[in-house]
N, C-alpha and C. Protein backbone atom coordinates (compact mmCIF):
# COMPACT_ATOMS: atom_id res chain seq x y z
N MET A 1 -3.31 -4.02 35.90
CA MET A 1 -2.59 -3.99 34.80
C MET A 1 -3.33 -3.97 33.55
N SER A 2 -3.14 -3.00 32.53
CA SER A 2 -3.91 -2.99 31.33
C SER A 2 -3.29 -3.55 30.22
N TYR A 3 -3.94 -4.03 29.22
CA TYR A 3 -3.40 -4.55 28.05
C TYR A 3 -4.00 -3.79 26.95
N ARG A 4 -3.35 -4.09 25.65
CA ARG A 4 -3.87 -3.50 24.41
C ARG A 4 -3.70 -4.46 23.34
N LEU A 5 -4.60 -4.38 22.34
CA LEU A 5 -4.62 -5.22 21.16
C LEU A 5 -4.06 -4.43 20.11
N SER A 6 -3.40 -4.98 19.07
CA SER A 6 -3.11 -4.39 17.79
C SER A 6 -3.88 -4.79 16.65
N ALA A 7 -4.59 -5.93 16.81
CA ALA A 7 -5.35 -6.41 15.63
C ALA A 7 -6.26 -7.50 16.15
N VAL A 8 -7.27 -7.62 15.53
CA VAL A 8 -8.31 -8.73 15.66
C VAL A 8 -8.93 -9.21 14.39
N THR A 9 -8.98 -10.49 14.18
CA THR A 9 -9.42 -11.07 12.87
C THR A 9 -10.68 -11.94 13.02
N LEU A 10 -11.45 -11.73 12.09
CA LEU A 10 -12.71 -12.49 11.92
C LEU A 10 -12.80 -13.11 10.58
N ARG A 11 -13.32 -14.40 10.54
CA ARG A 11 -13.48 -15.01 9.26
C ARG A 11 -15.03 -14.71 8.99
N ALA A 12 -15.11 -14.19 7.75
CA ALA A 12 -16.49 -13.70 7.37
C ALA A 12 -16.67 -13.94 5.90
N ASP A 13 -17.89 -13.60 5.41
CA ASP A 13 -18.18 -13.48 3.96
C ASP A 13 -19.20 -12.37 3.69
N ASN A 14 -19.68 -12.31 2.44
CA ASN A 14 -20.48 -11.16 2.24
C ASN A 14 -22.07 -11.52 2.37
N SER A 15 -22.37 -12.56 3.02
CA SER A 15 -23.75 -12.91 3.38
C SER A 15 -24.29 -11.92 4.44
N PRO A 16 -25.55 -11.91 4.58
CA PRO A 16 -26.23 -11.00 5.71
C PRO A 16 -25.48 -11.41 7.06
N GLU A 17 -25.38 -12.64 7.31
CA GLU A 17 -24.83 -12.98 8.60
C GLU A 17 -23.46 -12.54 8.66
N GLY A 18 -22.64 -12.56 7.64
CA GLY A 18 -21.28 -12.19 7.58
C GLY A 18 -21.17 -10.65 7.85
N MET A 19 -22.05 -9.88 7.17
CA MET A 19 -22.04 -8.45 7.28
C MET A 19 -22.47 -8.07 8.75
N ALA A 20 -23.45 -8.85 9.38
CA ALA A 20 -23.88 -8.57 10.78
C ALA A 20 -22.67 -8.77 11.75
N ALA A 21 -21.82 -9.94 11.61
CA ALA A 21 -20.63 -10.20 12.36
C ALA A 21 -19.62 -9.19 12.19
N ILE A 22 -19.53 -8.59 11.03
CA ILE A 22 -18.47 -7.52 10.76
C ILE A 22 -18.98 -6.30 11.47
N ALA A 23 -20.23 -5.90 11.40
CA ALA A 23 -20.81 -4.70 12.14
C ALA A 23 -20.65 -4.83 13.60
N ALA A 24 -20.85 -6.11 14.20
CA ALA A 24 -20.70 -6.38 15.58
C ALA A 24 -19.16 -6.16 16.02
N LEU A 25 -18.30 -6.64 15.15
CA LEU A 25 -16.96 -6.53 15.46
C LEU A 25 -16.45 -5.03 15.58
N TRP A 26 -16.97 -4.25 14.59
CA TRP A 26 -16.64 -2.72 14.55
C TRP A 26 -17.31 -2.08 15.74
N GLU A 27 -18.45 -2.50 16.20
CA GLU A 27 -19.22 -1.88 17.29
C GLU A 27 -18.24 -2.12 18.51
N ASP A 28 -17.76 -3.42 18.63
CA ASP A 28 -16.86 -3.66 19.82
C ASP A 28 -15.53 -2.83 19.82
N VAL A 29 -15.07 -2.54 18.65
CA VAL A 29 -13.91 -1.82 18.47
C VAL A 29 -14.08 -0.36 18.89
N GLN A 30 -15.19 0.15 18.35
CA GLN A 30 -15.51 1.59 18.59
C GLN A 30 -16.02 1.78 20.09
N SER A 31 -16.59 0.86 20.64
CA SER A 31 -16.97 1.01 22.06
C SER A 31 -15.83 0.86 23.05
N GLY A 32 -14.77 0.24 22.69
CA GLY A 32 -13.73 -0.01 23.41
C GLY A 32 -13.70 -1.49 24.10
N LYS A 33 -14.84 -2.15 23.79
CA LYS A 33 -14.85 -3.49 24.30
C LYS A 33 -13.64 -4.40 23.84
N LEU A 34 -13.26 -4.23 22.61
CA LEU A 34 -12.11 -4.68 22.07
C LEU A 34 -11.16 -3.54 22.04
N PRO A 35 -10.13 -3.56 23.01
CA PRO A 35 -9.20 -2.42 23.17
C PRO A 35 -8.22 -2.21 22.02
N LEU A 36 -8.63 -1.86 20.87
CA LEU A 36 -7.64 -1.50 19.70
C LEU A 36 -7.34 -0.03 19.80
N LEU A 37 -8.39 0.86 19.94
CA LEU A 37 -8.27 2.30 20.16
C LEU A 37 -8.07 2.70 21.57
N PHE A 38 -8.41 1.89 22.44
CA PHE A 38 -8.34 2.23 23.88
C PHE A 38 -7.49 0.97 24.43
N ASP A 39 -6.88 1.30 25.55
CA ASP A 39 -6.34 0.15 26.36
C ASP A 39 -7.40 -0.51 27.16
N SER A 40 -7.15 -1.71 27.76
CA SER A 40 -8.09 -2.33 28.60
C SER A 40 -8.62 -1.60 29.79
N ALA A 41 -7.92 -0.54 30.17
CA ALA A 41 -8.32 0.41 31.23
C ALA A 41 -9.18 1.45 30.76
N GLY A 42 -9.38 1.57 29.46
CA GLY A 42 -10.24 2.61 28.79
C GLY A 42 -9.52 3.93 28.40
N ALA A 43 -8.20 3.91 28.44
CA ALA A 43 -7.43 5.07 28.02
C ALA A 43 -7.32 5.10 26.46
N PHE A 44 -7.55 6.12 25.95
CA PHE A 44 -7.55 6.27 24.49
C PHE A 44 -5.99 6.24 24.02
N ARG A 45 -5.70 5.57 22.97
CA ARG A 45 -4.43 5.36 22.43
C ARG A 45 -4.21 6.41 21.13
N SER A 46 -3.64 7.52 21.51
CA SER A 46 -3.58 8.59 20.48
C SER A 46 -2.53 8.17 19.51
N GLY A 47 -2.69 8.77 18.24
CA GLY A 47 -1.73 8.52 17.11
C GLY A 47 -2.06 7.36 16.22
N LEU A 48 -3.17 6.66 16.62
CA LEU A 48 -3.53 5.39 15.89
C LEU A 48 -4.83 5.63 15.14
N SER A 49 -4.95 4.95 13.90
CA SER A 49 -6.08 4.93 13.15
C SER A 49 -6.52 3.42 12.87
N PRO A 50 -7.84 3.21 12.99
CA PRO A 50 -8.26 1.76 12.70
C PRO A 50 -8.36 1.67 11.24
N ILE A 51 -8.00 0.49 10.66
CA ILE A 51 -8.20 0.22 9.29
C ILE A 51 -8.56 -1.37 9.20
N SER A 52 -9.19 -1.72 8.14
CA SER A 52 -9.70 -3.12 7.85
C SER A 52 -8.63 -3.65 6.76
N ARG A 53 -8.16 -4.82 7.01
CA ARG A 53 -7.51 -5.59 6.02
C ARG A 53 -8.27 -6.79 5.53
N TYR A 54 -8.56 -6.99 4.36
CA TYR A 54 -9.23 -8.23 3.77
C TYR A 54 -8.11 -9.19 3.20
N SER A 55 -8.09 -10.40 3.58
CA SER A 55 -6.98 -11.31 3.16
C SER A 55 -7.56 -12.73 3.27
N ASN A 56 -6.72 -13.71 2.83
CA ASN A 56 -7.02 -15.13 2.85
C ASN A 56 -8.35 -15.41 2.20
N TYR A 57 -8.57 -14.81 0.89
CA TYR A 57 -9.76 -15.12 0.28
C TYR A 57 -9.94 -16.48 -0.14
N GLU A 58 -11.08 -17.06 0.15
CA GLU A 58 -11.37 -18.51 -0.29
C GLU A 58 -11.67 -18.63 -1.77
N LYS A 59 -12.41 -17.87 -2.25
CA LYS A 59 -13.02 -17.92 -3.64
C LYS A 59 -13.14 -16.46 -4.26
N GLY A 60 -12.19 -15.66 -4.10
CA GLY A 60 -12.35 -14.30 -4.51
C GLY A 60 -13.45 -13.55 -3.82
N ALA A 61 -14.28 -12.88 -4.47
CA ALA A 61 -15.43 -12.12 -3.78
C ALA A 61 -16.43 -13.02 -3.52
N GLU A 62 -16.55 -14.14 -3.76
CA GLU A 62 -17.78 -15.00 -3.60
C GLU A 62 -17.61 -15.87 -2.28
N GLY A 63 -16.47 -16.06 -1.82
CA GLY A 63 -16.28 -16.96 -0.62
C GLY A 63 -15.90 -16.19 0.70
N ALA A 64 -15.53 -16.93 1.59
CA ALA A 64 -15.12 -16.42 2.94
C ALA A 64 -13.75 -15.71 2.72
N TYR A 65 -13.41 -14.95 3.80
CA TYR A 65 -12.23 -14.18 3.78
C TYR A 65 -11.85 -13.75 5.27
N ASP A 66 -10.71 -13.38 5.44
CA ASP A 66 -10.30 -12.87 6.86
C ASP A 66 -10.45 -11.36 6.90
N LEU A 67 -11.19 -10.86 7.82
CA LEU A 67 -11.23 -9.37 8.02
C LEU A 67 -10.47 -9.08 9.34
N THR A 68 -9.49 -8.30 9.10
CA THR A 68 -8.56 -7.96 10.25
C THR A 68 -8.80 -6.54 10.47
N VAL A 69 -9.27 -6.13 11.78
CA VAL A 69 -9.36 -4.72 12.14
C VAL A 69 -8.01 -4.48 12.87
N MET A 70 -7.22 -3.59 12.49
CA MET A 70 -5.97 -3.27 13.04
C MET A 70 -5.84 -1.79 13.27
N THR A 71 -4.82 -1.38 14.08
CA THR A 71 -4.43 -0.03 14.33
C THR A 71 -3.14 0.20 13.61
N VAL A 72 -3.06 1.39 12.82
CA VAL A 72 -1.86 1.76 12.25
C VAL A 72 -1.57 3.35 12.44
N THR A 73 -0.34 3.59 12.28
CA THR A 73 -0.02 4.98 12.43
C THR A 73 0.03 5.85 11.07
N ALA A 74 0.10 7.07 11.20
CA ALA A 74 -0.14 7.87 9.95
C ALA A 74 0.83 7.51 8.79
N ASP A 75 1.96 7.02 9.00
CA ASP A 75 2.83 6.59 7.89
C ASP A 75 2.35 5.43 7.04
N PHE A 76 1.37 4.70 7.53
CA PHE A 76 0.85 3.58 6.93
C PHE A 76 0.07 3.96 5.54
N PHE A 77 -0.58 5.06 5.62
CA PHE A 77 -1.35 5.54 4.46
C PHE A 77 -0.42 6.00 3.25
N PRO A 78 0.58 6.79 3.56
CA PRO A 78 1.33 7.13 2.30
C PRO A 78 2.05 5.84 1.85
N ALA A 79 2.38 4.84 2.58
CA ALA A 79 3.00 3.57 2.09
C ALA A 79 1.91 2.83 1.21
N LEU A 80 0.62 2.80 1.47
CA LEU A 80 -0.41 2.28 0.62
C LEU A 80 -0.44 3.15 -0.61
N ASP A 81 -0.44 4.45 -0.58
CA ASP A 81 -0.58 5.23 -1.78
C ASP A 81 0.63 5.02 -2.63
N LYS A 82 1.82 4.76 -2.04
CA LYS A 82 3.03 4.51 -2.88
C LYS A 82 2.84 3.12 -3.59
N GLN A 83 2.29 2.03 -2.99
CA GLN A 83 1.98 0.93 -3.52
C GLN A 83 0.94 1.14 -4.80
N ALA A 84 0.09 2.01 -4.58
CA ALA A 84 -0.93 2.27 -5.60
C ALA A 84 -0.16 2.94 -6.74
N ALA A 85 0.71 3.94 -6.58
CA ALA A 85 1.51 4.60 -7.58
C ALA A 85 2.39 3.60 -8.33
N GLN A 86 2.79 2.58 -7.69
CA GLN A 86 3.69 1.61 -8.33
C GLN A 86 2.87 0.52 -9.10
N GLY A 87 1.59 0.64 -9.10
CA GLY A 87 0.64 -0.26 -9.74
C GLY A 87 0.23 -1.56 -8.99
N HIS A 88 0.71 -1.77 -7.76
CA HIS A 88 0.53 -2.99 -7.01
C HIS A 88 -0.98 -3.06 -6.45
N CYS A 89 -1.60 -1.83 -6.38
CA CYS A 89 -3.02 -1.83 -6.02
C CYS A 89 -3.68 -0.60 -6.61
N ARG A 90 -4.90 -0.64 -6.59
CA ARG A 90 -5.68 0.66 -6.94
C ARG A 90 -6.48 1.31 -5.97
N LYS A 91 -6.36 2.57 -5.83
CA LYS A 91 -7.10 3.30 -4.81
C LYS A 91 -8.41 3.77 -5.23
N PHE A 92 -9.49 3.53 -4.44
CA PHE A 92 -10.92 4.08 -4.64
C PHE A 92 -11.11 4.83 -3.51
N GLU A 93 -11.99 5.89 -3.73
CA GLU A 93 -12.54 6.64 -2.48
C GLU A 93 -13.89 7.26 -2.85
N ALA A 94 -14.56 7.52 -1.82
CA ALA A 94 -15.89 7.97 -1.85
C ALA A 94 -16.20 9.04 -0.68
N ALA A 95 -16.90 10.09 -0.76
CA ALA A 95 -17.23 10.89 0.34
C ALA A 95 -18.75 11.15 0.28
N GLY A 96 -19.33 11.34 1.48
CA GLY A 96 -20.80 11.68 1.53
C GLY A 96 -21.07 12.00 3.06
N GLU A 97 -22.51 12.21 3.21
CA GLU A 97 -23.01 12.59 4.45
C GLU A 97 -23.26 11.32 5.45
N ASP A 98 -23.27 10.11 4.93
CA ASP A 98 -23.55 8.94 5.75
C ASP A 98 -22.37 7.99 5.58
N LEU A 99 -21.83 7.45 6.56
CA LEU A 99 -20.66 6.62 6.50
C LEU A 99 -21.02 5.26 5.83
N THR A 100 -22.08 4.69 6.12
CA THR A 100 -22.63 3.40 5.49
C THR A 100 -22.80 3.60 3.92
N ALA A 101 -23.41 4.63 3.66
CA ALA A 101 -23.66 4.92 2.18
C ALA A 101 -22.26 5.24 1.44
N CYS A 102 -21.48 6.03 2.15
CA CYS A 102 -20.17 6.34 1.61
C CYS A 102 -19.28 5.00 1.36
N THR A 103 -19.30 4.22 2.34
CA THR A 103 -18.65 2.88 2.31
C THR A 103 -19.19 2.13 1.03
N ARG A 104 -20.42 1.95 1.02
CA ARG A 104 -21.08 1.33 -0.10
C ARG A 104 -20.66 1.76 -1.47
N ALA A 105 -20.71 3.13 -1.60
CA ALA A 105 -20.37 3.89 -2.90
C ALA A 105 -19.00 3.45 -3.25
N ALA A 106 -17.95 3.41 -2.34
CA ALA A 106 -16.63 3.00 -2.56
C ALA A 106 -16.57 1.63 -3.23
N TRP A 107 -17.20 0.80 -2.45
CA TRP A 107 -17.17 -0.67 -2.86
C TRP A 107 -17.98 -0.77 -4.24
N GLU A 108 -18.94 -0.13 -4.48
CA GLU A 108 -19.68 -0.27 -5.85
C GLU A 108 -18.75 0.22 -6.97
N GLN A 109 -17.75 1.18 -6.58
CA GLN A 109 -16.78 1.52 -7.67
C GLN A 109 -15.99 0.33 -7.96
N VAL A 110 -15.52 -0.45 -6.91
CA VAL A 110 -14.63 -1.62 -7.16
C VAL A 110 -15.47 -2.60 -7.88
N TRP A 111 -16.67 -2.93 -7.55
CA TRP A 111 -17.47 -3.94 -8.12
C TRP A 111 -17.86 -3.69 -9.49
N GLY A 112 -18.05 -2.33 -9.88
CA GLY A 112 -18.29 -1.83 -11.13
C GLY A 112 -17.26 -1.68 -12.14
N ASP A 113 -15.98 -1.67 -11.66
CA ASP A 113 -14.93 -1.39 -12.57
C ASP A 113 -14.54 -2.69 -13.34
N GLY A 114 -14.97 -2.68 -14.59
CA GLY A 114 -14.72 -3.78 -15.48
C GLY A 114 -13.29 -4.10 -15.82
N SER A 115 -12.42 -3.03 -15.65
CA SER A 115 -11.00 -3.12 -16.03
C SER A 115 -10.14 -3.68 -14.82
N LEU A 116 -10.73 -3.72 -13.74
CA LEU A 116 -9.93 -4.13 -12.45
C LEU A 116 -9.74 -5.56 -12.49
N LYS A 117 -8.51 -5.91 -12.27
CA LYS A 117 -8.10 -7.40 -12.19
C LYS A 117 -7.71 -7.52 -10.89
N ARG A 118 -8.60 -7.85 -9.91
CA ARG A 118 -8.33 -8.00 -8.47
C ARG A 118 -7.31 -9.27 -8.22
N ALA A 119 -6.34 -9.13 -7.35
CA ALA A 119 -5.50 -10.23 -6.96
C ALA A 119 -6.02 -10.98 -5.79
N PHE A 120 -6.92 -10.44 -5.09
CA PHE A 120 -7.50 -11.21 -3.91
C PHE A 120 -6.40 -11.70 -2.97
N THR A 121 -5.52 -10.88 -2.58
CA THR A 121 -4.35 -11.11 -1.73
C THR A 121 -4.58 -10.35 -0.39
N GLU A 122 -4.39 -9.04 -0.40
CA GLU A 122 -4.67 -8.14 0.72
C GLU A 122 -5.21 -6.83 0.16
N ASP A 123 -6.35 -6.58 0.67
CA ASP A 123 -7.07 -5.23 0.35
C ASP A 123 -7.30 -4.49 1.63
N TYR A 124 -7.29 -3.17 1.62
CA TYR A 124 -7.45 -2.32 2.80
C TYR A 124 -8.49 -1.31 2.65
N GLU A 125 -9.14 -1.04 3.75
CA GLU A 125 -10.36 -0.09 3.86
C GLU A 125 -10.06 0.84 4.98
N SER A 126 -10.19 1.99 4.78
CA SER A 126 -10.23 3.12 5.92
C SER A 126 -11.42 3.96 5.69
N THR A 127 -12.17 4.09 6.91
CA THR A 127 -13.27 4.90 6.83
C THR A 127 -13.01 6.00 7.79
N VAL A 128 -13.51 7.27 7.54
CA VAL A 128 -13.32 8.37 8.43
C VAL A 128 -14.63 8.98 8.50
N PRO A 129 -15.15 8.90 9.81
CA PRO A 129 -16.40 9.65 10.13
C PRO A 129 -16.47 11.04 10.04
N ALA A 130 -17.61 11.74 9.60
CA ALA A 130 -17.49 13.21 9.28
C ALA A 130 -16.95 14.00 10.41
N GLU A 131 -17.12 13.65 11.75
CA GLU A 131 -16.62 14.42 12.75
C GLU A 131 -15.02 14.43 12.83
N TYR A 132 -14.41 13.62 12.11
CA TYR A 132 -12.92 13.58 12.06
C TYR A 132 -12.28 14.14 10.80
N ALA A 133 -13.25 14.43 9.78
CA ALA A 133 -12.83 14.91 8.52
C ALA A 133 -12.80 16.51 8.43
N LYS A 134 -11.86 17.06 7.77
CA LYS A 134 -11.70 18.51 7.70
C LYS A 134 -12.86 19.12 6.87
N ASP A 135 -13.45 18.38 5.98
CA ASP A 135 -14.56 18.91 5.20
C ASP A 135 -15.93 18.56 5.71
N GLY A 136 -15.97 17.87 6.98
CA GLY A 136 -17.24 17.60 7.45
C GLY A 136 -18.11 16.44 6.90
N LYS A 137 -17.37 15.74 5.87
CA LYS A 137 -18.09 14.69 5.22
C LYS A 137 -17.39 13.37 5.69
N CYS A 138 -18.13 12.26 5.53
CA CYS A 138 -17.63 10.98 5.73
C CYS A 138 -16.76 10.55 4.48
N HIS A 139 -15.74 9.80 4.77
CA HIS A 139 -14.82 9.34 3.68
C HIS A 139 -14.58 7.93 3.80
N CYS A 140 -14.41 7.10 2.65
CA CYS A 140 -14.09 5.74 2.62
C CYS A 140 -12.89 5.69 1.54
N TYR A 141 -11.91 5.10 1.96
CA TYR A 141 -10.70 4.81 1.10
C TYR A 141 -10.46 3.35 0.96
N LEU A 142 -10.26 2.88 -0.32
CA LEU A 142 -10.03 1.37 -0.46
C LEU A 142 -8.76 1.32 -1.28
N TRP A 143 -7.85 0.30 -0.87
CA TRP A 143 -6.71 0.05 -1.67
C TRP A 143 -6.89 -1.51 -2.00
N ILE A 144 -7.13 -1.69 -3.34
CA ILE A 144 -7.46 -3.11 -3.84
C ILE A 144 -6.20 -3.70 -4.54
N ALA A 145 -5.76 -4.73 -4.07
CA ALA A 145 -4.66 -5.39 -4.83
C ALA A 145 -5.09 -5.89 -6.16
N VAL A 146 -4.07 -5.59 -7.14
CA VAL A 146 -4.39 -6.05 -8.44
C VAL A 146 -3.24 -7.10 -8.93
N LYS A 147 -3.67 -7.81 -9.89
CA LYS A 147 -2.76 -8.78 -10.50
C LYS A 147 -1.76 -8.12 -11.27
N GLU A 148 -0.56 -8.57 -11.17
CA GLU A 148 0.63 -7.81 -11.77
C GLU A 148 1.09 -8.81 -12.90
């Protein structure tokens, strides 16, 4: 009998150790060791996309937070865009040749935006490797909750 997960959560921070733990978690997701994209028998679960949710912030950007890697269906992204259009969050995006650099560029936009008033409630990150993008570039999309 196979099983499947819909989400896995890691308590982390932005220290080098926290970043290493996050990278290890994503490696386990992508390899199928943690069956979010695959069931425990190794069968790919079509129609799902992995996304990161940042929540339960201890001290804003300076402390620990929960990183949940979860799978969502295509309708999840328009719902986030609707939240952004309503002013509940701001959307940031970056594209490039390298996924790590692309993701860093998107987060640097967040960190460098002096007008952004982060709520530190729930933020979302979706990365798209170049092989899955229509334009052949890597993409990173961030939806950052704002204070209302």
